[in-house]
């Protein structure tokens, strides 16, 4: 079972058991320790997971953080737990911040109630935990795009420099996306002024500014729709049943002809398989490689393509089925993580064959 599948399995377990837990101790044992185990750490080995780790603060002795993830005898991650009954959004991470400040070897702080996880680091000031998390995971509605970010915290892949660098990028890109989304819904005066001043020479009186607020919203909406339509027009490839029969013949001929399935294709397959497990049994998802592309099929049936990987050039493309006639759109991806952005469309594909 790959990492993404283990996370999905944990999510199902959390949703099944969380309502039965009434206090913090039960939350630790039933939810938090399994999460750490999913990250590859041994919860029964104090050299990896140290419970009640002492983090004395000045003259205040005996302060203990619930769990410390250890490496080479030093904590690298501090975890403060709350009861699953508490809403993490209403909890101030002050206690975790104090532990973090007196434990310089730990660069990641985690505040959790076993269902929601807030991940902190020190991007703003060295050795002082940021006020806001750089990543938030909610097992009630997990984001597929966070799988690769969580993978960076696993025992086998944890690298503090790479983790903090990724945290910085994640924090600011998500903040910018959120701001842009807010501006799309309700443009601020500054956002409206930015565009209006470039196309309008008069004074931005209140009535004019109100008019441009609606114009900016409309213009951005039109632009985004045009970009989507242009990509659909240029990327749409329609395949008939006859085409698919021909491909099947080619695939039979190509067996044993030197086709090499790359590591990227294998990893992409597991990403797609993980995404699709919510709508179809993983055993029904198969991969078949050819010289032209690597295909993912339902029931290993060439008439039921789920998607394709076109990884034979420097620019990678993901082929997505768009209708029951098997019309396929190729979308460019910069890295394998980008596949998660198309989760909803991939999960809709098996419905074409029901």
Protein backbone atom coordinates (compact mmCIF):
# COMPACT_ATOMS: atom_id res chain seq x y z
CA UNK A 1 0.00 0.00 0.00
CA UNK A 2 1.53 3.33 -1.02
CA UNK A 3 1.56 6.46 1.15
CA UNK A 4 -1.55 8.04 -0.40
CA UNK A 5 -3.52 4.82 0.10
CA UNK A 6 -2.39 4.62 3.74
CA UNK A 7 -3.64 8.17 4.28
CA UNK A 8 -7.01 7.32 2.75
CA UNK A 9 -7.24 4.26 4.98
CA UNK A 10 -6.44 6.40 8.02
CA UNK A 11 -9.07 8.98 6.99
CA UNK A 12 -11.71 6.22 6.86
CA UNK A 13 -10.63 5.01 10.29
CA UNK A 14 -10.78 8.52 11.77
CA UNK A 15 -14.25 9.17 10.38
CA UNK A 16 -15.43 5.83 11.78
CA UNK A 17 -14.00 6.15 15.30
CA UNK A 18 -13.70 9.85 16.15
CA UNK A 19 -17.26 10.17 17.48
CA UNK A 20 -16.50 7.49 20.09
CA UNK A 21 -13.62 9.43 21.70
CA UNK A 22 -14.42 11.56 24.76
CA UNK A 23 -11.06 12.90 25.95
CA UNK A 24 -7.52 13.83 24.96
CA UNK A 25 -5.93 10.54 26.01
CA UNK A 26 -8.29 8.51 23.83
CA UNK A 27 -7.60 10.90 20.95
CA UNK A 28 -3.85 10.34 21.27
CA UNK A 29 -4.10 6.56 21.26
CA UNK A 30 -6.84 6.11 18.66
CA UNK A 31 -6.01 8.89 16.19
CA UNK A 32 -2.66 10.64 16.67
CA UNK A 33 -0.42 7.60 17.11
CA UNK A 34 -1.89 5.92 14.00
CA UNK A 35 -1.18 9.15 12.09
CA UNK A 36 2.47 9.08 13.18
CA UNK A 37 2.61 5.41 12.22
CA UNK A 38 1.27 6.34 8.77
CA UNK A 39 4.20 8.75 8.45
CA UNK A 40 6.48 5.75 8.98
CA UNK A 41 7.45 6.25 12.63
CA UNK A 42 7.28 3.51 15.27
CA UNK A 43 5.01 4.78 18.07
CA UNK A 44 6.38 2.08 20.41
CA UNK A 45 10.01 3.11 19.95
CA UNK A 46 11.00 6.09 22.17
CA UNK A 47 13.96 6.70 19.86
CA UNK A 48 11.40 7.67 17.23
CA UNK A 49 8.31 8.81 19.17
CA UNK A 50 9.01 10.19 22.65
CA UNK A 51 5.79 10.70 24.67
CA UNK A 52 5.60 13.46 27.29
CA UNK A 53 8.87 15.03 26.13
CA UNK A 54 10.19 17.54 28.68
CA UNK A 55 10.39 21.12 27.37
CA UNK A 56 11.24 23.22 30.44
CA UNK A 57 10.54 26.92 30.04
CA UNK A 58 12.85 29.12 32.13
CA UNK A 59 12.20 28.59 35.81
CA UNK A 60 9.03 26.67 35.00
CA UNK A 61 10.09 23.02 35.19
CA UNK A 62 8.26 19.86 34.21
CA UNK A 63 6.62 21.29 31.08
CA UNK A 64 5.93 18.42 28.69
CA UNK A 65 4.84 18.30 25.07
CA UNK A 66 2.60 15.33 24.21
CA UNK A 67 4.88 13.78 21.58
CA UNK A 68 8.28 14.54 20.11
CA UNK A 69 9.38 12.89 16.87
CA UNK A 70 13.04 12.05 17.39
CA UNK A 71 16.08 11.66 15.16
CA UNK A 72 19.62 11.01 16.39
CA UNK A 73 18.51 11.63 19.96
CA UNK A 74 17.02 15.06 19.26
CA UNK A 75 13.41 16.14 18.65
CA UNK A 76 12.70 17.25 15.08
CA UNK A 77 8.91 17.66 15.42
CA UNK A 78 6.76 18.61 18.42
CA UNK A 79 3.13 17.53 18.63
CA UNK A 80 0.59 19.07 21.02
CA UNK A 81 -2.68 17.14 21.24
CA UNK A 82 -6.20 18.19 22.16
CA UNK A 83 -9.41 16.23 22.47
CA UNK A 84 -11.15 15.37 19.21
CA UNK A 85 -14.24 17.09 20.64
CA UNK A 86 -12.51 20.49 20.50
CA UNK A 87 -12.54 22.76 17.46
CA UNK A 88 -8.88 23.34 16.63
CA UNK A 89 -9.67 26.65 14.92
CA UNK A 90 -10.68 28.12 18.28
CA UNK A 91 -7.50 27.05 20.09
CA UNK A 92 -4.58 29.45 20.43
CA UNK A 93 -1.26 27.62 19.81
CA UNK A 94 0.51 29.58 22.58
CA UNK A 95 1.43 26.44 24.53
CA UNK A 96 3.02 24.82 21.47
CA UNK A 97 4.81 28.09 20.68
CA UNK A 98 6.49 28.03 24.12
CA UNK A 99 7.64 24.42 23.69
CA UNK A 100 8.93 25.23 20.21
CA UNK A 101 10.98 28.21 21.41
CA UNK A 102 12.94 26.14 23.97
CA UNK A 103 13.52 23.19 21.59
CA UNK A 104 15.76 24.58 18.81
CA UNK A 105 16.32 21.23 17.10
CA UNK A 106 12.59 20.97 16.33
CA UNK A 107 11.61 23.01 13.27
CA UNK A 108 8.08 21.63 12.88
CA UNK A 109 5.30 22.10 15.42
CA UNK A 110 1.96 20.33 15.13
CA UNK A 111 -1.28 21.19 16.90
CA UNK A 112 -3.94 18.51 16.49
CA UNK A 113 -7.19 17.09 17.77
CA UNK A 114 -6.60 13.89 15.82
CA UNK A 115 -8.92 15.00 13.02
CA UNK A 116 -7.47 18.38 12.13
CA UNK A 117 -3.72 18.99 11.99
CA UNK A 118 -2.09 22.43 11.94
CA UNK A 119 1.57 22.43 10.90
CA UNK A 120 3.83 25.31 11.98
CA UNK A 121 7.44 26.31 11.39
CA UNK A 122 9.54 29.46 11.84
CA UNK A 123 9.44 31.22 8.47
CA UNK A 124 9.03 34.76 9.85
CA UNK A 125 11.57 34.71 12.71
CA UNK A 126 14.24 32.07 13.41
CA UNK A 127 13.42 29.72 16.33
CA UNK A 128 10.11 31.51 16.99
CA UNK A 129 7.10 29.57 15.75
CA UNK A 130 4.88 31.44 13.29
CA UNK A 131 1.46 32.55 14.51
CA UNK A 132 -0.28 30.86 11.59
CA UNK A 133 0.22 27.35 10.23
CA UNK A 134 1.80 26.84 6.83
CA UNK A 135 -0.38 23.78 6.23
CA UNK A 136 -3.73 22.60 7.58
CA UNK A 137 -4.95 19.03 7.14
CA UNK A 138 -8.55 18.10 7.92
CA UNK A 139 -9.34 14.39 7.68
CA UNK A 140 -13.04 15.21 7.39
CA UNK A 141 -12.32 16.79 4.01
CA UNK A 142 -8.70 16.00 3.09
CA UNK A 143 -7.12 17.85 0.17
CA UNK A 144 -5.44 15.52 -2.31
CA UNK A 145 -2.85 18.20 -3.07
CA UNK A 146 -1.46 17.88 0.48
CA UNK A 147 -0.44 14.23 0.08
CA UNK A 148 2.96 15.09 -1.35
CA UNK A 149 3.51 17.77 1.29
CA UNK A 150 2.80 15.27 4.07
CA UNK A 151 5.11 12.78 2.39
CA UNK A 152 7.97 15.21 3.05
CA UNK A 153 7.39 14.67 6.79
CA UNK A 154 7.68 10.89 6.64
CA UNK A 155 10.54 9.09 8.32
CA UNK A 156 12.22 8.12 5.04
CA UNK A 157 11.93 11.53 3.36
CA UNK A 158 12.24 14.03 6.22
CA UNK A 159 14.87 16.64 5.36
CA UNK A 160 14.58 19.79 7.43
CA UNK A 161 15.96 22.19 4.83
CA UNK A 162 13.75 20.83 2.05
CA UNK A 163 10.77 20.71 4.41
CA UNK A 164 11.13 24.36 5.50
CA UNK A 165 11.70 25.46 1.90
CA UNK A 166 8.55 23.61 0.81
CA UNK A 167 6.68 25.07 3.79
CA UNK A 168 7.61 28.59 2.71
CA UNK A 169 6.39 28.00 -0.83
CA UNK A 170 3.20 26.31 0.35
CA UNK A 171 2.40 29.05 2.88
CA UNK A 172 2.75 31.94 0.47
CA UNK A 173 1.27 30.35 -2.64
CA UNK A 174 -1.81 29.28 -0.68
CA UNK A 175 -2.09 32.78 0.82
CA UNK A 176 -1.85 34.37 -2.63
CA UNK A 177 -4.44 31.96 -4.02
CA UNK A 178 -6.77 32.79 -1.15
CA UNK A 179 -6.32 36.53 -1.68
CA UNK A 180 -6.90 36.21 -5.41
CA UNK A 181 -10.05 34.19 -4.79
CA UNK A 182 -11.29 36.90 -2.42
CA UNK A 183 -10.53 39.61 -4.97
CA UNK A 184 -12.44 37.63 -7.58
CA UNK A 185 -15.52 37.52 -5.37
CA UNK A 186 -15.33 41.08 -4.01
CA UNK A 187 -12.58 43.25 -5.54
CA UNK A 188 -10.99 45.66 -3.06
CA UNK A 189 -10.51 49.35 -3.82
CA UNK A 190 -6.77 48.80 -4.28
CA UNK A 191 -7.34 45.95 -6.74
CA UNK A 192 -9.89 47.95 -8.75
CA UNK A 193 -7.66 51.03 -8.75
CA UNK A 194 -4.73 48.96 -10.08
CA UNK A 195 -6.62 48.26 -13.31
CA UNK A 196 -8.79 51.35 -13.56
CA UNK A 197 -5.84 53.74 -13.44
CA UNK A 198 -4.32 52.03 -16.49
CA UNK A 199 -7.40 52.39 -18.71
CA UNK A 200 -9.28 55.41 -17.32
CA UNK A 201 -7.81 58.92 -17.31
CA UNK A 202 -10.42 60.68 -15.17
CA UNK A 203 -10.75 60.85 -11.40
CA UNK A 204 -11.97 57.72 -9.68
CA UNK A 205 -15.00 59.21 -8.01
CA UNK A 206 -17.15 56.82 -5.92
CA UNK A 207 -19.62 56.21 -8.75
CA UNK A 208 -16.81 55.53 -11.22
CA UNK A 209 -15.03 53.23 -8.78
CA UNK A 210 -18.26 51.28 -8.24
CA UNK A 211 -18.66 50.90 -11.99
CA UNK A 212 -15.08 49.65 -12.38
CA UNK A 213 -15.55 47.18 -9.53
CA UNK A 214 -18.16 45.35 -11.62
CA UNK A 215 -16.09 45.75 -14.80
CA UNK A 216 -13.00 44.23 -13.18
CA UNK A 217 -15.00 41.24 -11.91
CA UNK A 218 -16.54 40.72 -15.33
CA UNK A 219 -13.26 41.15 -17.24
CA UNK A 220 -11.40 38.63 -15.07
CA UNK A 221 -14.25 36.12 -15.36
CA UNK A 222 -14.27 36.48 -19.16
CA UNK A 223 -10.49 36.10 -19.32
CA UNK A 224 -10.49 32.89 -17.24
CA UNK A 225 -13.27 31.40 -19.38
CA UNK A 226 -11.35 32.26 -22.54
CA UNK A 227 -8.20 30.59 -21.22
CA UNK A 228 -10.17 27.44 -20.38
CA UNK A 229 -11.87 27.40 -23.79
CA UNK A 230 -8.58 27.92 -25.63
CA UNK A 231 -7.00 25.02 -23.77
CA UNK A 232 -9.99 22.80 -24.53
CA UNK A 233 -9.87 23.68 -28.22
CA UNK A 234 -6.16 23.04 -28.57
CA UNK A 235 -6.02 19.93 -26.40
CA UNK A 236 -9.17 18.04 -27.32
CA UNK A 237 -8.49 14.74 -29.08
CA UNK A 238 -11.50 12.63 -30.04
CA UNK A 239 -11.06 8.89 -30.29
CA UNK A 240 -13.62 6.53 -31.82
CA UNK A 241 -14.09 2.88 -30.84
CA UNK A 242 -12.25 1.94 -34.01
CA UNK A 243 -9.25 4.00 -32.89
CA UNK A 244 -9.20 2.17 -29.60
CA UNK A 245 -9.32 -1.22 -31.32
CA UNK A 246 -6.31 -0.17 -33.38
CA UNK A 247 -4.46 0.89 -30.24
CA UNK A 248 -5.20 -2.46 -28.65
CA UNK A 249 -3.67 -4.25 -31.66
CA UNK A 250 -0.57 -2.09 -31.42
CA UNK A 251 -0.23 -2.83 -27.75
CA UNK A 252 -0.28 -6.57 -28.38
CA UNK A 253 2.38 -6.17 -31.04
CA UNK A 254 4.52 -4.03 -28.76
CA UNK A 255 4.75 -6.51 -25.91
CA UNK A 256 8.39 -7.42 -25.36
CA UNK A 257 9.55 -4.72 -27.78
CA UNK A 258 11.65 -2.77 -25.30
CA UNK A 259 8.93 -0.64 -23.65
CA UNK A 260 10.27 0.78 -20.38
CA UNK A 261 7.85 1.91 -17.70
CA UNK A 262 9.51 4.83 -15.92
CA UNK A 263 9.45 5.62 -12.20
CA UNK A 264 7.42 8.76 -12.94
CA UNK A 265 4.78 6.68 -14.75
CA UNK A 266 4.61 4.24 -11.84
CA UNK A 267 4.30 7.05 -9.28
CA UNK A 268 1.66 8.80 -11.41
CA UNK A 269 -0.27 5.52 -11.61
CA UNK A 270 -0.34 5.21 -7.82
CA UNK A 271 -1.48 8.83 -7.50
CA UNK A 272 -4.39 8.17 -9.89
CA UNK A 273 -5.17 4.88 -8.16
CA UNK A 274 -5.27 6.67 -4.82
CA UNK A 275 -7.60 9.35 -6.18
CA UNK A 276 -9.95 6.81 -7.75
CA UNK A 277 -10.24 4.57 -4.68
CA UNK A 278 -13.07 6.83 -3.46
CA UNK A 279 -15.26 5.78 -6.40
CA UNK A 280 -13.93 2.42 -7.57
CA UNK A 281 -12.14 -0.56 -6.01
CA UNK A 282 -8.33 -0.25 -6.40
CA UNK A 283 -8.18 -3.79 -7.80
CA UNK A 284 -10.11 -2.59 -10.87
CA UNK A 285 -7.52 0.06 -11.76
CA UNK A 286 -4.77 -1.24 -14.04
CA UNK A 287 -1.83 0.19 -15.95
CA UNK A 288 -0.79 -0.72 -19.48
CA UNK A 289 2.28 0.87 -21.04
CA UNK A 290 2.89 1.44 -24.76
CA UNK A 291 5.53 3.26 -26.77
CA UNK A 292 3.23 6.25 -27.30
CA UNK A 293 1.82 6.67 -23.79
CA UNK A 294 1.15 4.90 -20.52
CA UNK A 295 -2.54 4.13 -20.07
CA UNK A 296 -4.63 3.63 -16.92
CA UNK A 297 -7.60 1.37 -17.54
CA UNK A 298 -10.71 0.23 -15.71
CA UNK A 299 -10.83 -3.58 -15.36
CA UNK A 300 -7.70 -3.74 -17.56
CA UNK A 301 -10.08 -3.15 -20.49
CA UNK A 302 -8.71 -1.03 -23.31
CA UNK A 303 -12.24 0.19 -24.07
CA UNK A 304 -12.41 1.74 -20.59
CA UNK A 305 -9.54 4.26 -20.44
CA UNK A 306 -9.37 6.25 -17.22
CA UNK A 307 -6.48 8.52 -18.18
CA UNK A 308 -3.13 8.53 -19.98
CA UNK A 309 0.37 9.69 -19.15
CA UNK A 310 2.25 11.31 -22.02
CA UNK A 311 5.68 11.45 -20.39
CA UNK A 312 7.84 10.80 -23.44
CA UNK A 313 8.92 14.45 -23.81
CA UNK A 314 10.29 17.14 -21.52
CA UNK A 315 6.76 18.59 -21.21
CA UNK A 316 4.52 16.09 -19.41
CA UNK A 317 0.83 15.80 -20.31
CA UNK A 318 -2.05 14.08 -18.52
CA UNK A 319 -4.76 12.74 -20.79
CA UNK A 320 -8.23 13.05 -19.23
CA UNK A 321 -11.38 11.42 -20.62
CA UNK A 322 -14.07 14.09 -20.97
CA UNK A 323 -17.18 12.15 -22.12
CA UNK A 324 -18.66 8.71 -22.77
CA UNK A 325 -17.40 8.82 -26.39
CA UNK A 326 -13.88 8.76 -24.90
CA UNK A 327 -12.91 12.21 -26.12
CA UNK A 328 -9.66 13.00 -24.37
CA UNK A 329 -8.12 16.29 -23.31
CA UNK A 330 -4.39 16.61 -22.80
CA UNK A 331 -3.46 18.98 -19.99
CA UNK A 332 0.16 19.98 -19.33
CA UNK A 333 1.56 19.25 -15.87
CA UNK A 334 4.76 20.68 -14.44
CA UNK A 335 5.16 17.95 -11.82
CA UNK A 336 3.36 14.80 -10.72
CA UNK A 337 1.67 16.61 -7.82
CA UNK A 338 -0.32 18.58 -10.42
CA UNK A 339 -2.38 15.43 -11.07
CA UNK A 340 -4.23 16.06 -7.80
CA UNK A 341 -5.66 19.26 -9.28
CA UNK A 342 -7.74 17.07 -11.62
CA UNK A 343 -9.06 14.70 -8.92
CA UNK A 344 -12.74 15.54 -9.48
CA UNK A 345 -12.51 14.97 -13.23
CA UNK A 346 -10.62 11.70 -12.78
CA UNK A 347 -13.21 10.46 -10.26
CA UNK A 348 -15.98 11.22 -12.76
CA UNK A 349 -14.43 9.04 -15.47
CA UNK A 350 -15.54 5.57 -14.23
CA UNK A 351 -19.15 6.78 -14.44
CA UNK A 352 -18.85 6.86 -18.24
CA UNK A 353 -18.58 3.05 -18.24
CA UNK A 354 -21.34 2.17 -15.77
